[in-house]
Amino acid sequence: MYTPPSEILKKYSDVLIKFALWSGKGAQPGDVIFVTLNESARPLLPHIQRSILESGAHMMLNYQPDGLTRDFYERANTEQIDFVPKPYLLERVKLATHFVSIISETDKHELEGIDSKKIMRRGELMKFYLDARRRKEDKGMLTWTLGLYGTPAMAKEVGLSEEEYWKQIIDACYLDEADPISTWRTVSDTIESIKNKLNQLPIRSLHIKGEDADLIITVGEDRLWLGGSGRNIPSFELFISPDWRGTEGWIRFNQPLYRYGNLIEGVELTFQNGLVTKAHARKNEQVLVDMIAVPNANKIGEFSLTDKRHSRITKFMGETLYDENVGGPFGNTHIALGSAYRDSYAHDPKMVDEEKWSAMGYNDSSVHTDIVSTTNRTVTATLQNGTKMVIYTNGQFAL
């Protein structure tokens, strides 16, 4: 089993703690950082603790043993599946300043064969927790980030050695450089400049066109493009949460999707009046169908583009965190079904009630599933005055 050098793991921890939190400013003295980390990512833990302590912050730890999830769904009765410790989870949100989660897996197919309706039910019951986190984030009192720790199972799944898998992580996060945080700030500034140009355009709708897509997305009023905020390491994408009601057409995805312990391949979606009217997958279609049956998971919550000039990810990694940021010859285009990002609203989200969010076409769901394609697509914006403008082609922004 391969373990990266301590120097690499410390740089990685510093990027997660001293850069990603507070939108690129890093953790501050007195912050409370809630870390969720699986047993398989244990070598990273002491480095995360050191980075937190060096920042003057405090760590709370949710350390999870590997390999228990399947046994839970196989043995739990309905009452046990429905049990969630609501007061405890809400108190966790109240106490935390940041959430840092490290993705690592020892079995990419752990939940294959499990009734996916059980998994979706569990997700719906946990929605109150995600809502509480979002409300605190909307007030500017909480940030979060995700990282990835490569394991033998994750590398094997995508046909890479452990060293090759970790090379993608090291390259993507600039851990091969003397000062990764400095590089991250430079890259973030570049992404920020493109984001500012997009936000200056009065875009009414977007037309995504290619050999596997002919899709119209209505942006909606008072929307902002987002990206480069430290949410997710790495993150090179620029994305927006559109008005779900104006989604029309079809889109096919060439990248596999690992979701709910299953591998879903060959996803194709058709939208009419904002709703998914057809959903097909070449493999594990039933999991896709069950997911879309979750309330509001049949609507778009995000549209995203990654510029190939920014990303150093060149391989399929089998993890959305990396696959939605892959570079390659054509960058990537992806959408998310389910919940929207309310910080895409151009004004103060604290001043908006649920009725207005709904009226503006922001989707709300317990699901948020990103589905990615790396084929060549052209994205043409129609501006408010009817002018058309190509904003993305050949894998990069054309601004």
Protein backbone atom coordinates (compact mmCIF):
# COMPACT_ATOMS: atom_id res chain seq x y z
CA MET A 1 0.00 0.00 0.00
CA TYR A 2 1.38 3.36 -1.09
CA THR A 3 1.54 6.29 1.33
CA PRO A 4 2.65 9.69 0.00
CA PRO A 5 5.64 11.32 1.70
CA SER A 6 4.91 13.29 4.87
CA GLU A 7 5.99 16.49 3.12
CA ILE A 8 3.25 16.01 0.50
CA LEU A 9 0.58 15.22 3.08
CA LYS A 10 1.49 18.30 5.14
CA LYS A 11 1.31 20.55 2.07
CA TYR A 12 -2.06 18.98 1.24
CA SER A 13 -3.35 19.63 4.77
CA ASP A 14 -2.10 23.23 4.64
CA VAL A 15 -3.97 23.82 1.38
CA LEU A 16 -7.18 22.42 2.88
CA ILE A 17 -6.94 24.27 6.19
CA LYS A 18 -4.83 27.37 5.55
CA PHE A 19 -6.16 28.22 2.08
CA ALA A 20 -9.54 26.65 1.27
CA LEU A 21 -11.49 27.77 4.34
CA TRP A 22 -12.97 31.27 4.54
CA SER A 23 -12.92 31.39 0.72
CA GLY A 24 -9.15 31.41 0.30
CA LYS A 25 -8.20 33.17 3.53
CA GLY A 26 -7.72 29.98 5.55
CA ALA A 27 -8.74 29.06 9.09
CA GLN A 28 -8.45 31.73 11.76
CA PRO A 29 -7.65 31.51 15.49
CA GLY A 30 -10.64 30.31 17.48
CA ASP A 31 -12.41 28.68 14.51
CA VAL A 32 -13.98 25.26 15.12
CA ILE A 33 -13.23 22.84 12.29
CA PHE A 34 -15.30 19.66 12.06
CA VAL A 35 -13.27 17.03 10.19
CA THR A 36 -14.88 13.92 8.69
CA LEU A 37 -12.33 11.30 7.69
CA ASN A 38 -12.51 7.56 6.98
CA GLU A 39 -10.19 4.96 8.43
CA SER A 40 -8.58 4.50 4.99
CA ALA A 41 -7.39 8.14 5.06
CA ARG A 42 -5.76 7.76 8.49
CA PRO A 43 -2.23 8.81 7.31
CA LEU A 44 -3.56 12.30 6.51
CA LEU A 45 -5.11 12.86 9.95
CA PRO A 46 -2.05 13.96 11.98
CA HIS A 47 -1.12 16.46 9.27
CA ILE A 48 -4.63 17.94 9.28
CA GLN A 49 -4.49 18.25 13.06
CA ARG A 50 -1.13 20.02 12.86
CA SER A 51 -2.39 22.46 10.22
CA ILE A 52 -5.44 23.22 12.36
CA LEU A 53 -3.35 23.74 15.50
CA GLU A 54 -0.88 25.95 13.64
CA SER A 55 -3.85 28.08 12.54
CA GLY A 56 -4.94 28.57 16.13
CA ALA A 57 -8.20 26.76 15.42
CA HIS A 58 -9.88 23.81 17.17
CA MET A 59 -10.57 20.37 15.68
CA MET A 60 -13.58 18.15 16.16
CA LEU A 61 -13.29 14.73 14.55
CA ASN A 62 -15.78 12.36 12.96
CA TYR A 63 -13.57 9.28 12.38
CA GLN A 64 -15.43 6.60 10.45
CA PRO A 65 -14.43 2.92 10.17
CA ASP A 66 -14.44 1.49 6.66
CA GLY A 67 -16.83 -1.19 5.44
CA LEU A 68 -19.89 -0.73 7.68
CA THR A 69 -22.32 0.93 5.27
CA ARG A 70 -23.46 -2.18 3.40
CA ASP A 71 -24.02 -4.09 6.61
CA PHE A 72 -26.18 -1.22 7.89
CA TYR A 73 -28.47 -1.21 4.85
CA GLU A 74 -28.70 -5.01 4.82
CA ARG A 75 -29.61 -5.34 8.50
CA ALA A 76 -31.36 -2.10 9.52
CA ASN A 77 -35.13 -2.18 9.81
CA THR A 78 -37.31 0.72 8.70
CA GLU A 79 -37.22 2.38 12.12
CA GLN A 80 -33.42 2.17 12.24
CA ILE A 81 -33.02 3.58 8.73
CA ASP A 82 -35.35 6.44 9.67
CA PHE A 83 -33.47 7.29 12.87
CA VAL A 84 -31.42 10.49 12.69
CA PRO A 85 -30.12 12.26 15.84
CA LYS A 86 -31.52 15.65 14.94
CA PRO A 87 -30.58 17.61 18.11
CA TYR A 88 -27.01 16.30 17.95
CA LEU A 89 -26.57 17.15 14.27
CA LEU A 90 -28.07 20.63 14.66
CA GLU A 91 -25.78 21.31 17.62
CA ARG A 92 -22.84 20.25 15.44
CA VAL A 93 -23.80 22.91 12.88
CA LYS A 94 -24.25 25.49 15.63
CA LEU A 95 -20.77 24.84 17.00
CA ALA A 96 -18.79 24.46 13.76
CA THR A 97 -17.16 27.28 11.82
CA HIS A 98 -16.01 24.96 9.02
CA PHE A 99 -16.59 21.44 7.72
CA VAL A 100 -13.69 19.58 6.12
CA SER A 101 -14.48 16.19 4.58
CA ILE A 102 -11.95 13.77 3.10
CA ILE A 103 -13.25 11.31 0.54
CA SER A 104 -11.68 7.84 0.61
CA GLU A 105 -13.13 4.43 -0.22
CA THR A 106 -12.11 0.80 0.18
CA ASP A 107 -14.90 -0.63 -2.00
CA LYS A 108 -16.31 1.38 -4.90
CA HIS A 109 -19.15 -1.13 -5.27
CA GLU A 110 -20.06 -1.49 -1.62
CA LEU A 111 -23.79 -0.83 -2.08
CA GLU A 112 -24.40 -2.66 -5.35
CA GLY A 113 -27.56 -4.75 -5.03
CA ILE A 114 -28.90 -2.70 -2.10
CA ASP A 115 -32.40 -1.32 -2.65
CA SER A 116 -31.59 2.23 -3.77
CA LYS A 117 -34.90 3.48 -2.35
CA LYS A 118 -33.48 2.84 1.14
CA ILE A 119 -30.45 4.99 0.32
CA MET A 120 -32.60 7.79 -1.12
CA ARG A 121 -34.84 7.68 1.96
CA ARG A 122 -31.84 8.16 4.20
CA GLY A 123 -30.74 11.15 2.15
CA GLU A 124 -34.17 12.78 2.35
CA LEU A 125 -34.21 12.40 6.14
CA MET A 126 -30.82 14.15 6.38
CA LYS A 127 -31.95 17.15 4.35
CA PHE A 128 -32.64 19.19 7.50
CA TYR A 129 -28.92 18.94 8.33
CA LEU A 130 -27.84 20.22 4.92
CA ASP A 131 -30.42 23.01 5.15
CA ALA A 132 -29.06 24.09 8.56
CA ARG A 133 -25.53 24.21 7.18
CA ARG A 134 -26.66 26.21 4.17
CA ARG A 135 -28.51 28.76 6.31
CA LYS A 136 -25.41 29.33 8.42
CA GLU A 137 -23.26 29.60 5.28
CA ASP A 138 -25.70 32.15 3.81
CA LYS A 139 -25.06 34.29 6.88
CA GLY A 140 -21.31 34.22 6.20
CA MET A 141 -20.66 32.23 9.38
CA LEU A 142 -19.55 28.90 7.90
CA THR A 143 -17.41 27.52 5.06
CA TRP A 144 -16.49 24.02 3.96
CA THR A 145 -14.17 22.11 1.67
CA LEU A 146 -13.66 18.60 0.32
CA GLY A 147 -10.44 16.70 -0.33
CA LEU A 148 -9.55 13.26 -1.70
CA TYR A 149 -7.31 10.57 -0.25
CA GLY A 150 -6.39 7.89 -2.78
CA THR A 151 -6.67 4.22 -1.78
CA PRO A 152 -5.70 0.97 -3.54
CA ALA A 153 -9.37 0.27 -4.35
CA MET A 154 -9.91 3.71 -5.87
CA ALA A 155 -6.79 3.43 -8.03
CA LYS A 156 -7.58 -0.11 -9.17
CA GLU A 157 -11.12 0.85 -10.15
CA VAL A 158 -9.87 3.28 -12.79
CA GLY A 159 -6.92 1.21 -13.97
CA LEU A 160 -4.17 3.24 -12.30
CA SER A 161 -1.42 2.28 -9.91
CA GLU A 162 -1.56 3.93 -6.48
CA GLU A 163 1.40 6.11 -7.43
CA GLU A 164 -0.33 7.17 -10.69
CA TYR A 165 -3.54 7.93 -8.82
CA TRP A 166 -1.69 10.03 -6.27
CA LYS A 167 0.20 11.82 -9.03
CA GLN A 168 -3.14 13.16 -10.24
CA ILE A 169 -3.90 14.43 -6.72
CA ILE A 170 -0.44 15.94 -6.31
CA ASP A 171 -0.55 17.62 -9.73
CA ALA A 172 -4.12 18.86 -9.34
CA CYS A 173 -3.42 20.43 -5.95
CA TYR A 174 0.06 21.80 -6.84
CA LEU A 175 1.62 19.74 -4.07
CA ASP A 176 4.76 19.30 -6.17
CA GLU A 177 5.50 23.01 -5.77
CA ALA A 178 7.41 24.68 -2.95
CA ASP A 179 4.45 26.89 -2.00
CA PRO A 180 1.16 25.34 -3.18
CA ILE A 181 -0.94 27.97 -1.42
CA SER A 182 0.72 30.77 -3.39
CA THR A 183 0.00 28.92 -6.64
CA TRP A 184 -3.60 28.33 -5.60
CA ARG A 185 -4.06 32.04 -5.01
CA THR A 186 -2.66 32.84 -8.47
CA VAL A 187 -4.94 30.28 -10.13
CA SER A 188 -7.92 31.54 -8.14
CA ASP A 189 -7.21 35.10 -9.29
CA THR A 190 -7.22 33.91 -12.91
CA ILE A 191 -10.51 32.09 -12.47
CA GLU A 192 -11.88 35.14 -10.67
CA SER A 193 -11.10 37.36 -13.67
CA ILE A 194 -13.04 35.07 -16.02
CA LYS A 195 -15.89 34.88 -13.53
CA ASN A 196 -16.07 38.67 -13.40
CA LYS A 197 -16.32 38.84 -17.20
CA LEU A 198 -19.15 36.30 -17.18
CA ASN A 199 -20.99 38.21 -14.47
CA GLN A 200 -20.77 41.40 -16.51
CA LEU A 201 -22.66 39.76 -19.36
CA PRO A 202 -26.47 40.12 -19.24
CA ILE A 203 -27.05 36.48 -20.18
CA ARG A 204 -30.64 35.34 -20.72
CA SER A 205 -29.99 31.74 -21.75
CA LEU A 206 -27.27 29.27 -22.71
CA HIS A 207 -27.28 26.82 -25.62
CA ILE A 208 -25.05 23.78 -25.09
CA LYS A 209 -24.43 22.17 -28.48
CA GLY A 210 -22.31 19.18 -29.49
CA GLU A 211 -22.56 15.69 -30.88
CA ASP A 212 -24.07 14.52 -27.59
CA ALA A 213 -25.97 17.60 -26.45
CA ASP A 214 -28.58 20.07 -27.63
CA LEU A 215 -29.70 21.75 -24.45
CA ILE A 216 -31.11 25.17 -23.57
CA ILE A 217 -30.63 26.49 -20.03
CA THR A 218 -32.39 29.65 -18.84
CA VAL A 219 -30.10 31.53 -16.48
CA GLY A 220 -32.77 33.46 -14.59
CA GLU A 221 -32.70 36.90 -12.99
CA ASP A 222 -30.12 38.15 -10.51
CA ARG A 223 -27.75 35.23 -10.99
CA LEU A 224 -24.00 35.11 -10.39
CA TRP A 225 -21.41 32.68 -11.71
CA LEU A 226 -19.43 31.09 -8.90
CA GLY A 227 -16.03 29.41 -8.60
CA GLY A 228 -12.56 29.69 -7.13
CA SER A 229 -13.85 30.03 -3.57
CA GLY A 230 -11.98 27.15 -1.92
CA ARG A 231 -15.11 24.99 -1.77
CA ASN A 232 -13.57 21.75 -3.02
CA ILE A 233 -9.86 21.11 -3.49
CA PRO A 234 -9.23 21.04 -6.36
CA SER A 235 -11.80 23.23 -8.07
CA PHE A 236 -11.32 24.88 -11.44
CA GLU A 237 -14.95 25.05 -12.55
CA LEU A 238 -17.15 28.09 -13.03
CA PHE A 239 -20.80 27.35 -12.41
CA ILE A 240 -24.21 28.89 -11.98
CA SER A 241 -27.52 27.79 -10.49
CA PRO A 242 -30.05 28.57 -13.22
CA ASP A 243 -33.82 28.87 -13.27
CA TRP A 244 -34.71 25.18 -13.53
CA ARG A 245 -38.00 25.94 -15.30
CA GLY A 246 -36.25 27.00 -18.51
CA THR A 247 -34.34 23.78 -19.25
CA GLU A 248 -35.19 22.22 -22.62
CA GLY A 249 -33.57 19.58 -24.81
CA TRP A 250 -31.29 16.61 -24.25
CA ILE A 251 -27.79 15.83 -23.06
CA ARG A 252 -25.64 12.68 -22.94
CA PHE A 253 -22.67 12.11 -20.62
CA ASN A 254 -19.55 10.14 -21.55
CA GLN A 255 -18.13 9.94 -18.02
CA PRO A 256 -19.23 7.18 -15.63
CA LEU A 257 -20.90 8.21 -12.40
CA TYR A 258 -20.22 6.58 -9.04
CA ARG A 259 -23.22 7.27 -6.83
CA TYR A 260 -24.72 5.53 -3.82
CA GLY A 261 -22.13 2.78 -3.97
CA ASN A 262 -22.98 1.99 -7.60
CA LEU A 263 -21.40 2.64 -10.99
CA ILE A 264 -23.82 4.28 -13.43
CA GLU A 265 -22.73 4.46 -17.08
CA GLY A 266 -24.08 6.01 -20.27
CA VAL A 267 -26.43 8.55 -18.72
CA GLU A 268 -28.74 10.42 -21.10
CA LEU A 269 -31.37 12.93 -19.99
CA THR A 270 -34.19 14.68 -21.82
CA PHE A 271 -35.77 17.84 -20.38
CA GLN A 272 -39.12 19.40 -21.17
CA ASN A 273 -40.51 22.45 -19.35
CA GLY A 274 -37.64 22.14 -16.90
CA LEU A 275 -38.33 18.54 -15.90
CA VAL A 276 -36.48 15.34 -16.74
CA THR A 277 -38.96 13.49 -18.94
CA LYS A 278 -36.62 10.67 -20.01
CA ALA A 279 -33.69 9.20 -18.10
CA HIS A 280 -31.59 6.39 -19.53
CA ALA A 281 -28.40 4.71 -18.40
CA ARG A 282 -26.54 1.85 -20.04
CA LYS A 283 -25.66 0.42 -16.63
CA ASN A 284 -27.54 0.65 -13.31
CA GLU A 285 -30.39 2.63 -14.83
CA GLN A 286 -32.67 1.77 -11.89
CA VAL A 287 -30.39 3.66 -9.47
CA LEU A 288 -30.60 6.72 -11.74
CA VAL A 289 -34.40 6.40 -11.97
CA ASP A 290 -34.77 6.01 -8.21
CA MET A 291 -32.60 9.07 -7.65
CA ILE A 292 -34.64 11.19 -10.05
CA ALA A 293 -37.80 10.07 -8.20
CA VAL A 294 -36.57 11.86 -5.05
CA PRO A 295 -38.50 15.15 -4.68
CA ASN A 296 -37.09 17.80 -7.06
CA ALA A 297 -34.20 15.59 -8.23
CA ASN A 298 -35.75 15.71 -11.72
CA LYS A 299 -34.72 19.37 -12.08
CA ILE A 300 -31.41 21.09 -12.72
CA GLY A 301 -29.59 22.74 -9.83
CA GLU A 302 -26.26 23.66 -11.45
CA PHE A 303 -24.58 24.19 -14.81
CA SER A 304 -20.77 24.18 -14.90
CA LEU A 305 -17.82 24.61 -17.24
CA THR A 306 -14.14 23.83 -16.65
CA ASP A 307 -11.45 25.53 -18.73
CA LYS A 308 -8.79 23.04 -19.83
CA ARG A 309 -6.07 25.68 -19.35
CA HIS A 310 -6.51 25.61 -15.57
CA SER A 311 -6.88 21.94 -14.72
CA ARG A 312 -3.92 19.55 -14.41
CA ILE A 313 -6.24 16.55 -14.05
CA THR A 314 -5.78 14.30 -17.07
CA LYS A 315 -7.20 10.95 -15.92
CA PHE A 316 -10.63 9.64 -15.02
CA MET A 317 -10.52 9.28 -11.24
CA GLY A 318 -13.89 7.72 -10.45
CA GLU A 319 -14.67 10.51 -7.98
CA THR A 320 -16.90 13.47 -8.83
CA LEU A 321 -14.62 15.88 -6.95
CA TYR A 322 -11.94 15.30 -9.59
CA ASP A 323 -13.98 14.23 -12.60
CA GLU A 324 -16.04 17.44 -12.56
CA ASN A 325 -12.75 19.36 -12.75
CA VAL A 326 -10.94 17.30 -15.39
CA GLY A 327 -9.07 19.18 -18.09
CA GLY A 328 -8.05 17.17 -21.15
CA PRO A 329 -8.51 18.34 -24.75
CA PHE A 330 -12.02 19.76 -24.28
CA GLY A 331 -12.25 20.63 -20.59
CA ASN A 332 -15.60 19.46 -19.27
CA THR A 333 -19.24 20.39 -19.11
CA HIS A 334 -21.44 19.16 -16.34
CA ILE A 335 -24.81 19.68 -14.80
CA ALA A 336 -26.13 18.73 -11.39
CA LEU A 337 -29.58 17.35 -10.80
CA GLY A 338 -31.18 18.43 -7.57
CA SER A 339 -30.40 21.23 -5.17
CA ALA A 340 -29.24 24.66 -6.35
CA TYR A 341 -26.54 26.86 -4.85
CA ARG A 342 -28.25 29.84 -3.31
CA ASP A 343 -25.03 31.85 -3.23
CA SER A 344 -25.56 32.12 -6.99
CA TYR A 345 -28.11 34.81 -6.09
CA ALA A 346 -26.69 38.25 -6.86
CA HIS A 347 -27.97 39.86 -3.66
CA ASP A 348 -28.10 39.03 0.05
CA PRO A 349 -29.52 35.48 0.45
CA LYS A 350 -30.39 36.20 4.09
CA MET A 351 -33.15 38.50 2.88
CA VAL A 352 -34.90 35.83 0.78
CA ASP A 353 -37.65 33.56 2.12
CA GLU A 354 -38.51 30.10 0.79
CA GLU A 355 -41.42 31.38 -1.27
CA LYS A 356 -39.19 33.81 -3.15
CA TRP A 357 -36.48 31.16 -3.74
CA SER A 358 -39.15 29.02 -5.37
CA ALA A 359 -40.48 31.96 -7.38
CA MET A 360 -36.98 32.65 -8.76
CA GLY A 361 -36.57 29.05 -9.93
CA TYR A 362 -33.96 27.88 -7.44
CA ASN A 363 -34.34 24.14 -7.04
CA ASP A 364 -34.40 22.57 -3.58
CA SER A 365 -33.77 18.87 -3.02
CA SER A 366 -31.95 16.42 -0.76
CA VAL A 367 -30.05 15.34 -3.90
CA HIS A 368 -27.21 17.12 -5.68
CA THR A 369 -25.67 14.84 -8.30
CA ASP A 370 -23.06 16.12 -10.77
CA ILE A 371 -22.89 14.31 -14.12
CA VAL A 372 -19.92 15.03 -16.39
CA SER A 373 -18.98 14.95 -20.05
CA THR A 374 -15.59 15.69 -21.61
CA THR A 375 -16.65 15.79 -25.26
CA ASN A 376 -16.32 18.92 -27.37
CA ARG A 377 -19.19 21.34 -26.91
CA THR A 378 -19.90 24.92 -27.80
CA VAL A 379 -21.80 27.09 -25.35
CA THR A 380 -23.55 30.10 -26.88
CA ALA A 381 -25.07 32.77 -24.68
CA THR A 382 -28.14 34.71 -25.73
CA LEU A 383 -28.00 38.13 -24.10
CA GLN A 384 -30.99 40.10 -22.88
CA ASN A 385 -31.05 42.15 -26.11
CA GLY A 386 -31.11 38.98 -28.24
CA THR A 387 -27.43 39.12 -29.24
CA LYS A 388 -25.72 35.73 -29.40
CA MET A 389 -22.17 35.23 -28.15
CA VAL A 390 -19.99 32.11 -27.94
CA ILE A 391 -18.60 31.98 -24.40
CA TYR A 392 -17.00 28.50 -24.41
CA THR A 393 -15.54 26.38 -27.20
CA ASN A 394 -12.83 23.76 -27.64
CA GLY A 395 -12.60 23.32 -23.90
CA GLN A 396 -11.96 26.91 -22.90
CA PHE A 397 -13.74 30.18 -22.28
CA ALA A 398 -13.83 32.58 -25.23
CA LEU A 399 -14.14 35.90 -23.43
